């Protein structure tokens, strides 16, 4: 199993109160699959993703990613894990405005151990003609494609997507989701995505429904639905 999360718990202290965010989460994802964590705002989706991504730590429980136990790693080893194994895609693109598209991708490529060829990545996301453009010259969908290219150029084992279509219109969203399926297919990258949009779950191999810090349902699909045919 590529990802194994067992009895994961996380809480935060806010003044005198203790808020339980994750209440014993257990999920699994096989290598090369796409998983969707589905739930409303405040359900614990981002906290779970941040812990799997090595950005935050759990209070208890265990997480294994490709055989590596994250919960026992020190800060330096977690940094190595984030750099070498994980690509992040967010709702807002976080591109550097005064760098070209190529330069935005090079920022990540230059610190990666075994990066993919930048031109190959740009072709994969359909932006080979925009390599000298600046972010302000691109549409929202194109900027998200740059963010995807920047995430996959490091050749990560795991791609974590936090509401990647949240700032996009319907047609552009379907294009971005189709691109993520293409990345999964062409590069063999395992993908874990969080969203509140139930329709997006149809493109996943497995859907984890999260509510109030607990998994309330797990749905496994024999075959993922093509993203370009998703309607909502």
C-alpha atoms as a PDB file:
ATOM      1  CA  UNK A   1       0.000   0.000   0.000  1.00  0.00           C
ATOM      2  CA  UNK A   2       1.398   3.410  -0.992  1.00  0.00           C
ATOM      3  CA  UNK A   3      -0.339   5.506   1.704  1.00  0.00           C
ATOM      4  CA  UNK A   4      -1.458   4.040   5.015  1.00  0.00           C
ATOM      5  CA  UNK A   5      -2.915   6.317   7.686  1.00  0.00           C
ATOM      6  CA  UNK A   6      -3.896   4.616  10.930  1.00  0.00           C
ATOM      7  CA  UNK A   7      -5.915   6.118  13.803  1.00  0.00           C
ATOM      8  CA  UNK A   8      -4.616   9.638  13.157  1.00  0.00           C
ATOM      9  CA  UNK A   9      -5.582  12.234  15.741  1.00  0.00           C
ATOM     10  CA  UNK A  10      -4.934  15.978  15.845  1.00  0.00           C
ATOM     11  CA  UNK A  11      -6.194  18.728  18.121  1.00  0.00           C
ATOM     12  CA  UNK A  12      -5.422  22.404  18.670  1.00  0.00           C
ATOM     13  CA  UNK A  13      -5.548  24.422  21.858  1.00  0.00           C
ATOM     14  CA  UNK A  14      -7.401  27.704  21.481  1.00  0.00           C
ATOM     15  CA  UNK A  15      -7.102  29.546  24.761  1.00  0.00           C
ATOM     16  CA  UNK A  16      -8.599  27.306  27.435  1.00  0.00           C
ATOM     17  CA  UNK A  17     -10.410  25.125  24.912  1.00  0.00           C
ATOM     18  CA  UNK A  18      -9.157  22.067  23.063  1.00  0.00           C
ATOM     19  CA  UNK A  19     -10.496  21.534  19.560  1.00  0.00           C
ATOM     20  CA  UNK A  20     -10.340  18.011  18.124  1.00  0.00           C
ATOM     21  CA  UNK A  21      -9.784  18.334  14.380  1.00  0.00           C
ATOM     22  CA  UNK A  22      -9.011  14.710  13.454  1.00  0.00           C
ATOM     23  CA  UNK A  23     -10.590  11.951  15.545  1.00  0.00           C
ATOM     24  CA  UNK A  24      -8.888   8.700  14.610  1.00  0.00           C
ATOM     25  CA  UNK A  25      -8.602   8.868  10.802  1.00  0.00           C
ATOM     26  CA  UNK A  26      -7.629   5.699   8.910  1.00  0.00           C
ATOM     27  CA  UNK A  27      -7.267   5.627   5.100  1.00  0.00           C
ATOM     28  CA  UNK A  28      -5.271   3.731   2.485  1.00  0.00           C
ATOM     29  CA  UNK A  29      -4.315   4.503  -1.120  1.00  0.00           C
ATOM     30  CA  UNK A  30      -2.539   2.230  -3.563  1.00  0.00           C
ATOM     31  CA  UNK A  31       0.403   3.414  -5.651  1.00  0.00           C
ATOM     32  CA  UNK A  32      -0.645   5.172  -8.845  1.00  0.00           C
ATOM     33  CA  UNK A  33      -4.201   5.784  -7.678  1.00  0.00           C
ATOM     34  CA  UNK A  34      -6.142   9.034  -7.312  1.00  0.00           C
ATOM     35  CA  UNK A  35      -7.887   9.636  -3.997  1.00  0.00           C
ATOM     36  CA  UNK A  36     -10.344  12.394  -3.108  1.00  0.00           C
ATOM     37  CA  UNK A  37     -10.971  13.605   0.438  1.00  0.00           C
ATOM     38  CA  UNK A  38     -14.478  15.025   0.320  1.00  0.00           C
ATOM     39  CA  UNK A  39     -16.045  17.177   2.991  1.00  0.00           C
ATOM     40  CA  UNK A  40     -17.407  20.587   3.943  1.00  0.00           C
ATOM     41  CA  UNK A  41     -15.357  23.474   5.268  1.00  0.00           C
ATOM     42  CA  UNK A  42     -14.113  22.763   8.779  1.00  0.00           C
ATOM     43  CA  UNK A  43     -14.270  18.979   8.439  1.00  0.00           C
ATOM     44  CA  UNK A  44     -10.488  18.554   8.824  1.00  0.00           C
ATOM     45  CA  UNK A  45      -9.577  18.050   5.138  1.00  0.00           C
ATOM     46  CA  UNK A  46      -6.698  20.536   5.029  1.00  0.00           C
ATOM     47  CA  UNK A  47      -5.301  19.375   8.371  1.00  0.00           C
ATOM     48  CA  UNK A  48      -5.227  15.789   7.135  1.00  0.00           C
ATOM     49  CA  UNK A  49      -3.545  16.783   3.884  1.00  0.00           C
ATOM     50  CA  UNK A  50      -0.972  18.938   5.671  1.00  0.00           C
ATOM     51  CA  UNK A  51      -0.011  16.032   7.932  1.00  0.00           C
ATOM     52  CA  UNK A  52       0.298  13.616   5.002  1.00  0.00           C
ATOM     53  CA  UNK A  53       2.373  16.272   3.213  1.00  0.00           C
ATOM     54  CA  UNK A  54       4.758  16.654   6.143  1.00  0.00           C
ATOM     55  CA  UNK A  55       3.739  20.261   6.786  1.00  0.00           C
ATOM     56  CA  UNK A  56       2.061  19.539  10.128  1.00  0.00           C
ATOM     57  CA  UNK A  57       2.372  16.798  12.751  1.00  0.00           C
ATOM     58  CA  UNK A  58      -0.244  14.526  14.259  1.00  0.00           C
ATOM     59  CA  UNK A  59      -0.771  14.094  17.992  1.00  0.00           C
ATOM     60  CA  UNK A  60      -0.966  10.312  17.631  1.00  0.00           C
ATOM     61  CA  UNK A  61      -1.440   7.573  15.073  1.00  0.00           C
ATOM     62  CA  UNK A  62       0.817   6.640  12.180  1.00  0.00           C
ATOM     63  CA  UNK A  63       1.354   7.569   8.533  1.00  0.00           C
ATOM     64  CA  UNK A  64       3.323   5.574   6.001  1.00  0.00           C
ATOM     65  CA  UNK A  65       4.027   6.913   2.508  1.00  0.00           C
ATOM     66  CA  UNK A  66       5.799   4.483   0.206  1.00  0.00           C
ATOM     67  CA  UNK A  67       7.163   2.640   3.230  1.00  0.00           C
ATOM     68  CA  UNK A  68       8.401   5.768   5.030  1.00  0.00           C
ATOM     69  CA  UNK A  69       6.900   6.370   8.480  1.00  0.00           C
ATOM     70  CA  UNK A  70       6.354  10.130   8.672  1.00  0.00           C
ATOM     71  CA  UNK A  71       5.353  10.255  12.316  1.00  0.00           C
ATOM     72  CA  UNK A  72       8.850   9.305  13.521  1.00  0.00           C
ATOM     73  CA  UNK A  73      10.799  11.718  11.299  1.00  0.00           C
ATOM     74  CA  UNK A  74      12.594  14.740  12.743  1.00  0.00           C
ATOM     75  CA  UNK A  75      12.201  18.191  11.151  1.00  0.00           C
ATOM     76  CA  UNK A  76      15.179  17.775   8.804  1.00  0.00           C
ATOM     77  CA  UNK A  77      13.928  14.430   7.501  1.00  0.00           C
ATOM     78  CA  UNK A  78      10.435  15.861   7.019  1.00  0.00           C
ATOM     79  CA  UNK A  79      11.965  18.672   4.962  1.00  0.00           C
ATOM     80  CA  UNK A  80      13.736  16.078   2.802  1.00  0.00           C
ATOM     81  CA  UNK A  81      10.451  14.215   2.385  1.00  0.00           C
ATOM     82  CA  UNK A  82       8.588  17.355   1.266  1.00  0.00           C
ATOM     83  CA  UNK A  83      11.371  18.309  -1.135  1.00  0.00           C
ATOM     84  CA  UNK A  84      11.957  14.910  -2.694  1.00  0.00           C
ATOM     85  CA  UNK A  85       8.621  13.097  -2.602  1.00  0.00           C
ATOM     86  CA  UNK A  86       5.705  15.544  -2.538  1.00  0.00           C
ATOM     87  CA  UNK A  87       4.303  18.073  -4.979  1.00  0.00           C
ATOM     88  CA  UNK A  88       1.753  20.622  -3.753  1.00  0.00           C
ATOM     89  CA  UNK A  89      -1.006  22.313  -5.784  1.00  0.00           C
ATOM     90  CA  UNK A  90      -3.211  24.912  -4.097  1.00  0.00           C
ATOM     91  CA  UNK A  91      -6.412  26.768  -4.929  1.00  0.00           C
ATOM     92  CA  UNK A  92      -4.407  29.951  -5.396  1.00  0.00           C
ATOM     93  CA  UNK A  93      -1.433  29.500  -7.660  1.00  0.00           C
ATOM     94  CA  UNK A  94       1.324  31.188  -5.611  1.00  0.00           C
ATOM     95  CA  UNK A  95       3.360  32.003  -8.712  1.00  0.00           C
ATOM     96  CA  UNK A  96       6.203  34.520  -8.478  1.00  0.00           C
ATOM     97  CA  UNK A  97       4.872  37.474 -10.531  1.00  0.00           C
ATOM     98  CA  UNK A  98       8.198  38.849 -11.755  1.00  0.00           C
ATOM     99  CA  UNK A  99       9.462  35.473 -13.011  1.00  0.00           C
ATOM    100  CA  UNK A 100       8.577  33.933 -16.369  1.00  0.00           C
ATOM    101  CA  UNK A 101       6.692  30.661 -16.548  1.00  0.00           C
ATOM    102  CA  UNK A 102       9.935  28.768 -17.155  1.00  0.00           C
ATOM    103  CA  UNK A 103      11.629  30.530 -14.258  1.00  0.00           C
ATOM    104  CA  UNK A 104       8.717  29.743 -11.921  1.00  0.00           C
ATOM    105  CA  UNK A 105       9.180  26.072 -12.729  1.00  0.00           C
ATOM    106  CA  UNK A 106      12.976  26.260 -12.490  1.00  0.00           C
ATOM    107  CA  UNK A 107      12.674  27.448  -8.876  1.00  0.00           C
ATOM    108  CA  UNK A 108      11.512  23.945  -7.977  1.00  0.00           C
ATOM    109  CA  UNK A 109      13.527  22.054 -10.586  1.00  0.00           C
ATOM    110  CA  UNK A 110      16.801  23.492  -9.298  1.00  0.00           C
ATOM    111  CA  UNK A 111      16.308  22.087  -5.784  1.00  0.00           C
ATOM    112  CA  UNK A 112      15.076  18.635  -6.872  1.00  0.00           C
ATOM    113  CA  UNK A 113      17.217  15.512  -6.882  1.00  0.00           C
ATOM    114  CA  UNK A 114      15.855  14.012 -10.094  1.00  0.00           C
ATOM    115  CA  UNK A 115      13.729  16.640 -11.871  1.00  0.00           C
ATOM    116  CA  UNK A 116      11.886  16.057 -15.099  1.00  0.00           C
ATOM    117  CA  UNK A 117      12.868  18.004 -18.202  1.00  0.00           C
ATOM    118  CA  UNK A 118      11.132  21.399 -18.089  1.00  0.00           C
ATOM    119  CA  UNK A 119      10.216  21.374 -21.786  1.00  0.00           C
ATOM    120  CA  UNK A 120       8.687  17.902 -21.362  1.00  0.00           C
ATOM    121  CA  UNK A 121       6.602  19.170 -18.453  1.00  0.00           C
ATOM    122  CA  UNK A 122       5.498  22.279 -20.323  1.00  0.00           C
ATOM    123  CA  UNK A 123       4.351  20.121 -23.242  1.00  0.00           C
ATOM    124  CA  UNK A 124       2.496  17.845 -20.846  1.00  0.00           C
ATOM    125  CA  UNK A 125       0.466  20.770 -19.465  1.00  0.00           C
ATOM    126  CA  UNK A 126      -0.001  22.395 -22.892  1.00  0.00           C
ATOM    127  CA  UNK A 127       2.053  25.513 -22.199  1.00  0.00           C
ATOM    128  CA  UNK A 128       5.091  25.050 -24.440  1.00  0.00           C
ATOM    129  CA  UNK A 129       4.162  28.278 -26.242  1.00  0.00           C
ATOM    130  CA  UNK A 130       4.005  30.298 -22.996  1.00  0.00           C
ATOM    131  CA  UNK A 131       7.458  29.577 -21.542  1.00  0.00           C
ATOM    132  CA  UNK A 132       8.605  33.229 -21.743  1.00  0.00           C
ATOM    133  CA  UNK A 133       5.300  34.702 -20.558  1.00  0.00           C
ATOM    134  CA  UNK A 134       4.717  36.171 -17.098  1.00  0.00           C
ATOM    135  CA  UNK A 135       1.873  35.044 -14.811  1.00  0.00           C
ATOM    136  CA  UNK A 136      -0.076  38.270 -15.338  1.00  0.00           C
ATOM    137  CA  UNK A 137      -0.266  37.468 -19.062  1.00  0.00           C
ATOM    138  CA  UNK A 138      -2.040  34.153 -18.463  1.00  0.00           C
ATOM    139  CA  UNK A 139      -5.630  33.217 -17.681  1.00  0.00           C
ATOM    140  CA  UNK A 140      -6.545  31.649 -14.351  1.00  0.00           C
ATOM    141  CA  UNK A 141      -6.638  28.188 -15.908  1.00  0.00           C
ATOM    142  CA  UNK A 142      -3.222  28.688 -17.492  1.00  0.00           C
ATOM    143  CA  UNK A 143      -1.778  29.878 -14.184  1.00  0.00           C
ATOM    144  CA  UNK A 144      -3.102  26.736 -12.502  1.00  0.00           C
ATOM    145  CA  UNK A 145      -1.438  24.686 -15.251  1.00  0.00           C
ATOM    146  CA  UNK A 146       1.838  26.400 -14.404  1.00  0.00           C
ATOM    147  CA  UNK A 147       1.295  25.513 -10.752  1.00  0.00           C
ATOM    148  CA  UNK A 148       0.744  21.878 -11.779  1.00  0.00           C
ATOM    149  CA  UNK A 149       3.890  21.936 -13.933  1.00  0.00           C
ATOM    150  CA  UNK A 150       5.873  23.372 -11.028  1.00  0.00           C
ATOM    151  CA  UNK A 151       4.587  20.610  -8.757  1.00  0.00           C
ATOM    152  CA  UNK A 152       5.326  17.716 -11.124  1.00  0.00           C
ATOM    153  CA  UNK A 153       8.736  18.891 -12.419  1.00  0.00           C
ATOM    154  CA  UNK A 154      10.363  17.492  -9.270  1.00  0.00           C
ATOM    155  CA  UNK A 155       8.976  14.092 -10.309  1.00  0.00           C
ATOM    156  CA  UNK A 156       7.187  13.567  -6.976  1.00  0.00           C
ATOM    157  CA  UNK A 157       5.819  10.260  -5.786  1.00  0.00           C
ATOM    158  CA  UNK A 158       2.746  12.024  -4.382  1.00  0.00           C
ATOM    159  CA  UNK A 159       0.810  15.021  -5.656  1.00  0.00           C
ATOM    160  CA  UNK A 160      -1.335  16.791  -3.036  1.00  0.00           C
ATOM    161  CA  UNK A 161      -4.049  19.092  -4.391  1.00  0.00           C
ATOM    162  CA  UNK A 162      -5.915  21.495  -2.099  1.00  0.00           C
ATOM    163  CA  UNK A 163      -9.138  22.622  -3.871  1.00  0.00           C
ATOM    164  CA  UNK A 164      -7.233  22.977  -7.190  1.00  0.00           C
ATOM    165  CA  UNK A 165     -10.335  24.163  -9.074  1.00  0.00           C
ATOM    166  CA  UNK A 166     -11.802  26.356  -6.326  1.00  0.00           C
ATOM    167  CA  UNK A 167     -10.888  29.631  -8.057  1.00  0.00           C
ATOM    168  CA  UNK A 168     -11.806  28.501 -11.578  1.00  0.00           C
ATOM    169  CA  UNK A 169     -14.979  28.487 -13.677  1.00  0.00           C
ATOM    170  CA  UNK A 170     -16.716  25.268 -14.694  1.00  0.00           C
ATOM    171  CA  UNK A 171     -15.109  24.641 -18.076  1.00  0.00           C
ATOM    172  CA  UNK A 172     -11.643  25.614 -16.886  1.00  0.00           C
ATOM    173  CA  UNK A 173     -12.072  23.371 -13.846  1.00  0.00           C
ATOM    174  CA  UNK A 174     -12.830  20.367 -16.033  1.00  0.00           C
ATOM    175  CA  UNK A 175      -9.721  21.131 -18.088  1.00  0.00           C
ATOM    176  CA  UNK A 176      -7.541  21.226 -14.975  1.00  0.00           C
ATOM    177  CA  UNK A 177      -9.045  17.983 -13.652  1.00  0.00           C
ATOM    178  CA  UNK A 178      -8.433  16.327 -17.026  1.00  0.00           C
ATOM    179  CA  UNK A 179      -4.836  17.486 -16.831  1.00  0.00           C
ATOM    180  CA  UNK A 180      -4.459  15.943 -13.373  1.00  0.00           C
ATOM    181  CA  UNK A 181      -5.747  12.647 -14.746  1.00  0.00           C
ATOM    182  CA  UNK A 182      -3.218  12.929 -17.571  1.00  0.00           C
ATOM    183  CA  UNK A 183      -0.404  13.513 -15.059  1.00  0.00           C
ATOM    184  CA  UNK A 184      -1.552  10.456 -13.116  1.00  0.00           C
ATOM    185  CA  UNK A 185      -1.635   8.355 -16.287  1.00  0.00           C
ATOM    186  CA  UNK A 186       1.543   9.624 -17.995  1.00  0.00           C
ATOM    187  CA  UNK A 187       3.851   9.944 -14.983  1.00  0.00           C
ATOM    188  CA  UNK A 188       2.348   7.329 -12.661  1.00  0.00           C
ATOM    189  CA  UNK A 189       2.005   9.952  -9.930  1.00  0.00           C
ATOM    190  CA  UNK A 190      -0.251   9.100  -7.006  1.00  0.00           C
ATOM    191  CA  UNK A 191      -2.699  11.944  -6.372  1.00  0.00           C
ATOM    192  CA  UNK A 192      -4.606  12.933  -3.251  1.00  0.00           C
ATOM    193  CA  UNK A 193      -7.056  15.810  -3.629  1.00  0.00           C
ATOM    194  CA  UNK A 194      -9.295  17.611  -1.167  1.00  0.00           C
ATOM    195  CA  UNK A 195     -12.522  19.240  -2.272  1.00  0.00           C
ATOM    196  CA  UNK A 196     -16.053  20.040  -1.166  1.00  0.00           C
ATOM    197  CA  UNK A 197     -17.372  19.294  -4.681  1.00  0.00           C
ATOM    198  CA  UNK A 198     -19.030  15.863  -4.643  1.00  0.00           C
ATOM    199  CA  UNK A 199     -18.921  15.507  -8.445  1.00  0.00           C
ATOM    200  CA  UNK A 200     -15.107  15.532  -8.456  1.00  0.00           C
ATOM    201  CA  UNK A 201     -15.145  12.313  -6.456  1.00  0.00           C
ATOM    202  CA  UNK A 202     -16.268  10.501  -9.616  1.00  0.00           C
ATOM    203  CA  UNK A 203     -12.793  10.878 -11.159  1.00  0.00           C
ATOM    204  CA  UNK A 204     -11.104   9.144  -8.214  1.00  0.00           C
ATOM    205  CA  UNK A 205     -10.274   5.520  -7.545  1.00  0.00           C
ATOM    206  CA  UNK A 206     -11.293   6.036  -3.927  1.00  0.00           C
ATOM    207  CA  UNK A 207     -13.304   8.729  -2.117  1.00  0.00           C
ATOM    208  CA  UNK A 208     -13.043   9.384   1.617  1.00  0.00           C
ATOM    209  CA  UNK A 209     -16.002  11.335   2.998  1.00  0.00           C
ATOM    210  CA  UNK A 210     -14.871  13.382   5.980  1.00  0.00           C
ATOM    211  CA  UNK A 211     -17.215  15.029   8.453  1.00  0.00           C
ATOM    212  CA  UNK A 212     -16.278  16.673  11.756  1.00  0.00           C
ATOM    213  CA  UNK A 213     -12.873  15.026  11.791  1.00  0.00           C
ATOM    214  CA  UNK A 214     -14.081  11.492  11.079  1.00  0.00           C
ATOM    215  CA  UNK A 215     -14.295   9.306   7.982  1.00  0.00           C
ATOM    216  CA  UNK A 216     -17.994   8.582   7.593  1.00  0.00           C
ATOM    217  CA  UNK A 217     -17.808   6.670   4.294  1.00  0.00           C
ATOM    218  CA  UNK A 218     -15.197   5.247   1.923  1.00  0.00           C
ATOM    219  CA  UNK A 219     -16.200   4.666  -1.705  1.00  0.00           C
ATOM    220  CA  UNK A 220     -13.968   2.691  -4.074  1.00  0.00           C
ATOM    221  CA  UNK A 221     -14.537   2.877  -7.831  1.00  0.00           C
ATOM    222  CA  UNK A 222     -13.529   0.023 -10.103  1.00  0.00           C
ATOM    223  CA  UNK A 223     -12.860   2.594 -12.817  1.00  0.00           C
ATOM    224  CA  UNK A 224     -12.302   6.350 -12.523  1.00  0.00           C
ATOM    225  CA  UNK A 225     -14.711   8.542 -14.513  1.00  0.00           C
ATOM    226  CA  UNK A 226     -13.076  10.737 -17.215  1.00  0.00           C
ATOM    227  CA  UNK A 227     -12.802  14.259 -15.829  1.00  0.00           C
ATOM    228  CA  UNK A 228     -13.981  15.874 -19.047  1.00  0.00           C
ATOM    229  CA  UNK A 229     -17.348  14.151 -18.598  1.00  0.00           C
ATOM    230  CA  UNK A 230     -17.907  15.294 -15.023  1.00  0.00           C
ATOM    231  CA  UNK A 231     -20.874  17.635 -14.557  1.00  0.00           C
ATOM    232  CA  UNK A 232     -21.935  19.675 -11.520  1.00  0.00           C
END
